Amino acid sequence: MLVAIAIFISSCGTLSRTQEDSPKAPPNIDFPDASKSGTKIEEGIASWYGPKFNGKLTANGEEYDMHQFTAAHRTLPFNSIIKVRNLDNGEDVLVRINDRGPFAKNRIIDLSKKAAQEINMIGTGTARVALMIMGHDLQSSRTDNLKVPTYTVQLASFQKRSKAFQHSRKVQGARVETVTLGDKKLYRVYYGTFVDKNKARQKAQELNNRGFNGYVKQIQN
């Protein structure tokens, strides 16, 4: 019963993930030398998620595999490699960020089942941890506060740069950002930056009422 409760607690606050027919393949990324210290960026409570979400879609479009060393974080760039140290027992594990969460206020990272097993926190469900980023420069991050996700309103996406700028000129304050997806380059039109998701939704509705259909999305680093 205690294990069941721990499993339930560990999944609380995690964004509900859905299944898609064709999730994208995980990137071929080599983990760095685990003996390196990395740069400490955060300290708090870790949780983990497992069978309930296994095979469903992660926030970056992959299929969640609870047997891989991955994790969910609110704001860190996808594919960042993080060393997670269990402060209760001193054990470490390296994980790759491929998902968003946890969404419980008192937690900072949601580990895969495999990663949680590596630092012996399966039974407890949560653990006090320190996060060290390994070989990734956060200076180019668009997030000022790692604990607070930021949002924007996406208005359009074009393959041609000229069409994106033509569309952006219709909405004062809109901007164009270049996004690379595999071997494709897209030009997306965004409006605003918000730390309050409800305010982003209100702005999206205002723009929709003016004939500019858009939707709210979290800004990825």
Protein backbone atom coordinates (compact mmCIF):
# COMPACT_ATOMS: atom_id res chain seq x y z
CA MET A 1 0.00 0.00 0.00
CA LEU A 2 2.83 2.40 0.88
CA VAL A 3 4.50 1.76 -2.47
CA ALA A 4 1.22 2.37 -4.29
CA ILE A 5 0.76 5.64 -2.45
CA ALA A 6 4.31 6.67 -3.28
CA ILE A 7 3.75 5.93 -6.96
CA PHE A 8 0.56 7.98 -6.94
CA ILE A 9 2.25 10.89 -5.18
CA SER A 10 5.17 10.79 -7.57
CA SER A 11 2.93 11.32 -10.57
CA CYS A 12 0.84 14.12 -9.06
CA GLY A 13 1.43 17.51 -10.62
CA THR A 14 2.74 16.05 -13.87
CA LEU A 15 1.11 17.36 -17.05
CA SER A 16 -1.27 14.88 -18.62
CA ARG A 17 0.47 13.42 -21.65
CA THR A 18 -1.33 12.17 -24.72
CA GLN A 19 -0.57 9.50 -27.32
CA GLU A 20 0.28 10.32 -30.93
CA ASP A 21 0.63 7.95 -33.87
CA SER A 22 4.11 9.02 -34.90
CA PRO A 23 6.26 10.41 -32.08
CA LYS A 24 9.66 11.68 -33.11
CA ALA A 25 12.78 9.62 -32.45
CA PRO A 26 15.02 10.62 -29.51
CA PRO A 27 18.20 12.44 -30.58
CA ASN A 28 21.53 10.66 -30.55
CA ILE A 29 23.17 12.51 -27.67
CA ASP A 30 26.13 11.16 -25.70
CA PHE A 31 26.10 11.80 -21.97
CA PRO A 32 29.21 13.60 -20.65
CA ASP A 33 31.64 12.18 -18.12
CA ALA A 34 29.57 11.60 -14.97
CA SER A 35 32.57 12.35 -12.76
CA LYS A 36 32.51 16.01 -13.80
CA SER A 37 30.82 18.30 -11.32
CA GLY A 38 28.79 20.52 -13.67
CA THR A 39 27.27 23.84 -12.61
CA LYS A 40 24.73 23.83 -9.80
CA ILE A 41 21.54 25.60 -10.84
CA GLU A 42 18.80 24.53 -8.46
CA GLU A 43 17.94 22.66 -5.27
CA GLY A 44 14.57 21.26 -4.20
CA ILE A 45 12.28 18.24 -4.33
CA ALA A 46 12.31 15.64 -7.13
CA SER A 47 9.50 13.25 -7.99
CA TRP A 48 9.21 10.53 -10.63
CA TYR A 49 6.68 9.21 -13.13
CA GLY A 50 6.39 5.74 -14.63
CA PRO A 51 3.88 3.17 -15.93
CA LYS A 52 0.89 5.54 -16.10
CA PHE A 53 2.68 7.67 -18.71
CA ASN A 54 4.88 5.07 -20.40
CA GLY A 55 4.50 5.21 -24.20
CA LYS A 56 2.70 8.57 -24.18
CA LEU A 57 3.93 11.76 -25.78
CA THR A 58 6.44 14.00 -24.01
CA ALA A 59 6.43 17.76 -24.39
CA ASN A 60 9.16 17.69 -27.04
CA GLY A 61 7.32 15.13 -29.19
CA GLU A 62 9.10 11.94 -28.16
CA GLU A 63 7.54 8.80 -26.75
CA TYR A 64 8.10 8.57 -23.01
CA ASP A 65 10.17 5.52 -22.08
CA MET A 66 10.35 5.04 -18.33
CA HIS A 67 13.41 2.79 -18.82
CA GLN A 68 15.55 5.63 -20.21
CA PHE A 69 17.44 8.31 -18.29
CA THR A 70 15.17 11.28 -18.96
CA ALA A 71 13.33 13.90 -16.93
CA ALA A 72 10.77 16.69 -17.03
CA HIS A 73 11.65 20.26 -16.02
CA ARG A 74 9.56 23.43 -16.23
CA THR A 75 11.97 25.57 -18.23
CA LEU A 76 15.36 23.98 -18.99
CA PRO A 77 16.14 23.64 -22.71
CA PHE A 78 15.17 20.30 -24.21
CA ASN A 79 18.12 17.90 -24.49
CA SER A 80 19.98 19.58 -21.64
CA ILE A 81 21.98 17.00 -19.68
CA ILE A 82 21.47 17.37 -15.94
CA LYS A 83 23.18 15.66 -13.04
CA VAL A 84 20.64 14.98 -10.28
CA ARG A 85 22.11 14.39 -6.84
CA ASN A 86 19.98 12.80 -4.14
CA LEU A 87 20.89 14.90 -1.11
CA ASP A 88 19.53 12.23 1.24
CA ASN A 89 22.03 9.57 0.14
CA GLY A 90 24.60 11.34 -2.07
CA GLU A 91 23.83 9.26 -5.18
CA ASP A 92 23.92 10.84 -8.67
CA VAL A 93 22.28 10.21 -12.03
CA LEU A 94 22.56 11.94 -15.41
CA VAL A 95 19.31 12.64 -17.27
CA ARG A 96 18.28 14.33 -20.51
CA ILE A 97 15.43 16.86 -20.38
CA ASN A 98 12.68 15.90 -22.83
CA ASP A 99 9.47 16.85 -21.03
CA ARG A 100 7.77 19.64 -19.07
CA GLY A 101 6.80 19.43 -15.42
CA PRO A 102 6.38 18.77 -12.57
CA PHE A 103 3.54 21.18 -11.90
CA ALA A 104 3.28 20.74 -8.15
CA LYS A 105 4.69 23.93 -6.62
CA ASN A 106 7.08 22.21 -4.23
CA ARG A 107 8.91 20.12 -6.89
CA ILE A 108 11.61 21.05 -9.36
CA ILE A 109 12.13 17.95 -11.53
CA ASP A 110 10.22 14.80 -12.51
CA LEU A 111 12.50 11.82 -13.17
CA SER A 112 11.88 8.74 -15.28
CA LYS A 113 11.45 5.52 -13.33
CA LYS A 114 14.92 4.36 -14.43
CA ALA A 115 16.55 7.56 -13.18
CA ALA A 116 14.66 7.39 -9.89
CA GLN A 117 15.83 3.82 -9.38
CA GLU A 118 19.43 4.89 -9.97
CA ILE A 119 19.36 7.25 -6.97
CA ASN A 120 17.14 5.01 -4.82
CA MET A 121 14.03 7.18 -4.54
CA ILE A 122 11.40 4.79 -5.90
CA GLY A 123 10.08 3.75 -2.50
CA THR A 124 9.85 7.25 -1.07
CA GLY A 125 8.42 8.77 -4.25
CA THR A 126 10.24 12.06 -3.70
CA ALA A 127 13.73 13.15 -2.62
CA ARG A 128 15.69 16.31 -1.88
CA VAL A 129 17.98 16.90 -4.83
CA ALA A 130 20.48 19.31 -6.32
CA LEU A 131 20.56 19.89 -10.08
CA MET A 132 23.83 20.48 -11.95
CA ILE A 133 23.80 21.36 -15.63
CA MET A 134 26.45 19.51 -17.62
CA GLY A 135 28.10 21.24 -20.56
CA HIS A 136 25.25 23.51 -21.59
CA ASP A 137 25.47 27.31 -21.58
CA LEU A 138 22.37 28.93 -20.10
CA GLN A 139 23.46 32.43 -21.16
CA SER A 140 21.43 32.05 -24.34
CA SER A 141 18.35 30.89 -22.45
CA ARG A 142 15.24 32.99 -22.93
CA THR A 143 14.07 32.17 -19.40
CA ASP A 144 15.22 34.45 -16.57
CA ASN A 145 13.84 32.30 -13.77
CA LEU A 146 14.25 28.52 -14.06
CA LYS A 147 11.28 28.00 -11.73
CA VAL A 148 8.85 30.10 -13.76
CA PRO A 149 7.78 29.05 -17.29
CA THR A 150 7.12 31.82 -19.80
CA TYR A 151 4.49 31.84 -22.53
CA THR A 152 3.76 33.51 -25.84
CA VAL A 153 0.96 33.56 -28.41
CA GLN A 154 1.82 31.85 -31.68
CA LEU A 155 -0.06 33.50 -34.55
CA ALA A 156 1.33 31.73 -37.61
CA SER A 157 4.11 29.60 -39.06
CA PHE A 158 5.57 29.96 -42.56
CA GLN A 159 8.20 28.30 -44.70
CA LYS A 160 9.00 31.63 -46.34
CA ARG A 161 10.58 34.40 -44.28
CA SER A 162 8.94 37.17 -46.32
CA LYS A 163 5.44 35.84 -45.62
CA ALA A 164 6.14 35.67 -41.88
CA PHE A 165 7.22 39.32 -41.76
CA GLN A 166 4.26 40.30 -43.94
CA HIS A 167 1.92 38.67 -41.42
CA SER A 168 3.71 40.12 -38.38
CA ARG A 169 3.26 43.67 -39.69
CA LYS A 170 -0.50 43.21 -39.35
CA VAL A 171 -0.22 42.99 -35.54
CA GLN A 172 1.65 45.74 -33.72
CA GLY A 173 4.14 44.17 -31.31
CA ALA A 174 4.36 40.83 -33.12
CA ARG A 175 7.76 39.30 -33.81
CA VAL A 176 9.24 36.67 -36.12
CA GLU A 177 11.50 33.89 -34.84
CA THR A 178 13.37 31.30 -36.86
CA VAL A 179 12.78 27.70 -35.78
CA THR A 180 14.80 24.74 -37.05
CA LEU A 181 13.03 21.38 -37.09
CA GLY A 182 15.34 18.68 -38.36
CA ASP A 183 16.46 19.82 -41.81
CA LYS A 184 13.58 22.31 -42.14
CA LYS A 185 13.60 25.98 -41.25
CA LEU A 186 10.35 27.67 -40.29
CA TYR A 187 9.51 31.31 -39.55
CA ARG A 188 6.98 31.70 -36.77
CA VAL A 189 5.04 34.77 -35.78
CA TYR A 190 4.69 35.31 -32.03
CA TYR A 191 3.08 37.94 -29.86
CA GLY A 192 4.15 38.88 -26.34
CA THR A 193 5.93 37.18 -23.48
CA PHE A 194 3.97 36.26 -20.37
CA VAL A 195 4.69 34.61 -17.03
CA ASP A 196 0.96 34.40 -16.29
CA LYS A 197 -0.64 31.82 -18.59
CA ASN A 198 -4.12 33.25 -18.03
CA LYS A 199 -2.99 36.67 -19.27
CA ALA A 200 -1.53 35.00 -22.33
CA ARG A 201 -4.87 33.29 -22.94
CA GLN A 202 -6.70 36.61 -22.57
CA LYS A 203 -4.41 38.21 -25.14
CA ALA A 204 -4.88 35.26 -27.49
CA GLN A 205 -8.66 35.72 -27.20
CA GLU A 206 -8.35 39.47 -27.89
CA LEU A 207 -6.31 38.74 -31.00
CA ASN A 208 -8.79 36.07 -32.06
CA ASN A 209 -11.62 38.61 -31.76
CA ARG A 210 -9.63 40.82 -34.16
CA GLY A 211 -9.34 38.00 -36.66
CA PHE A 212 -5.86 36.75 -35.76
CA ASN A 213 -6.22 33.14 -34.72
CA GLY A 214 -3.46 31.98 -32.40
CA TYR A 215 -2.78 29.79 -29.43
CA VAL A 216 -0.74 29.94 -26.25
CA LYS A 217 2.48 27.95 -26.02
CA GLN A 218 5.34 27.78 -23.57
CA ILE A 219 8.53 29.37 -24.77
CA GLN A 220 11.18 26.71 -25.19
CA ASN A 221 14.82 27.58 -24.62
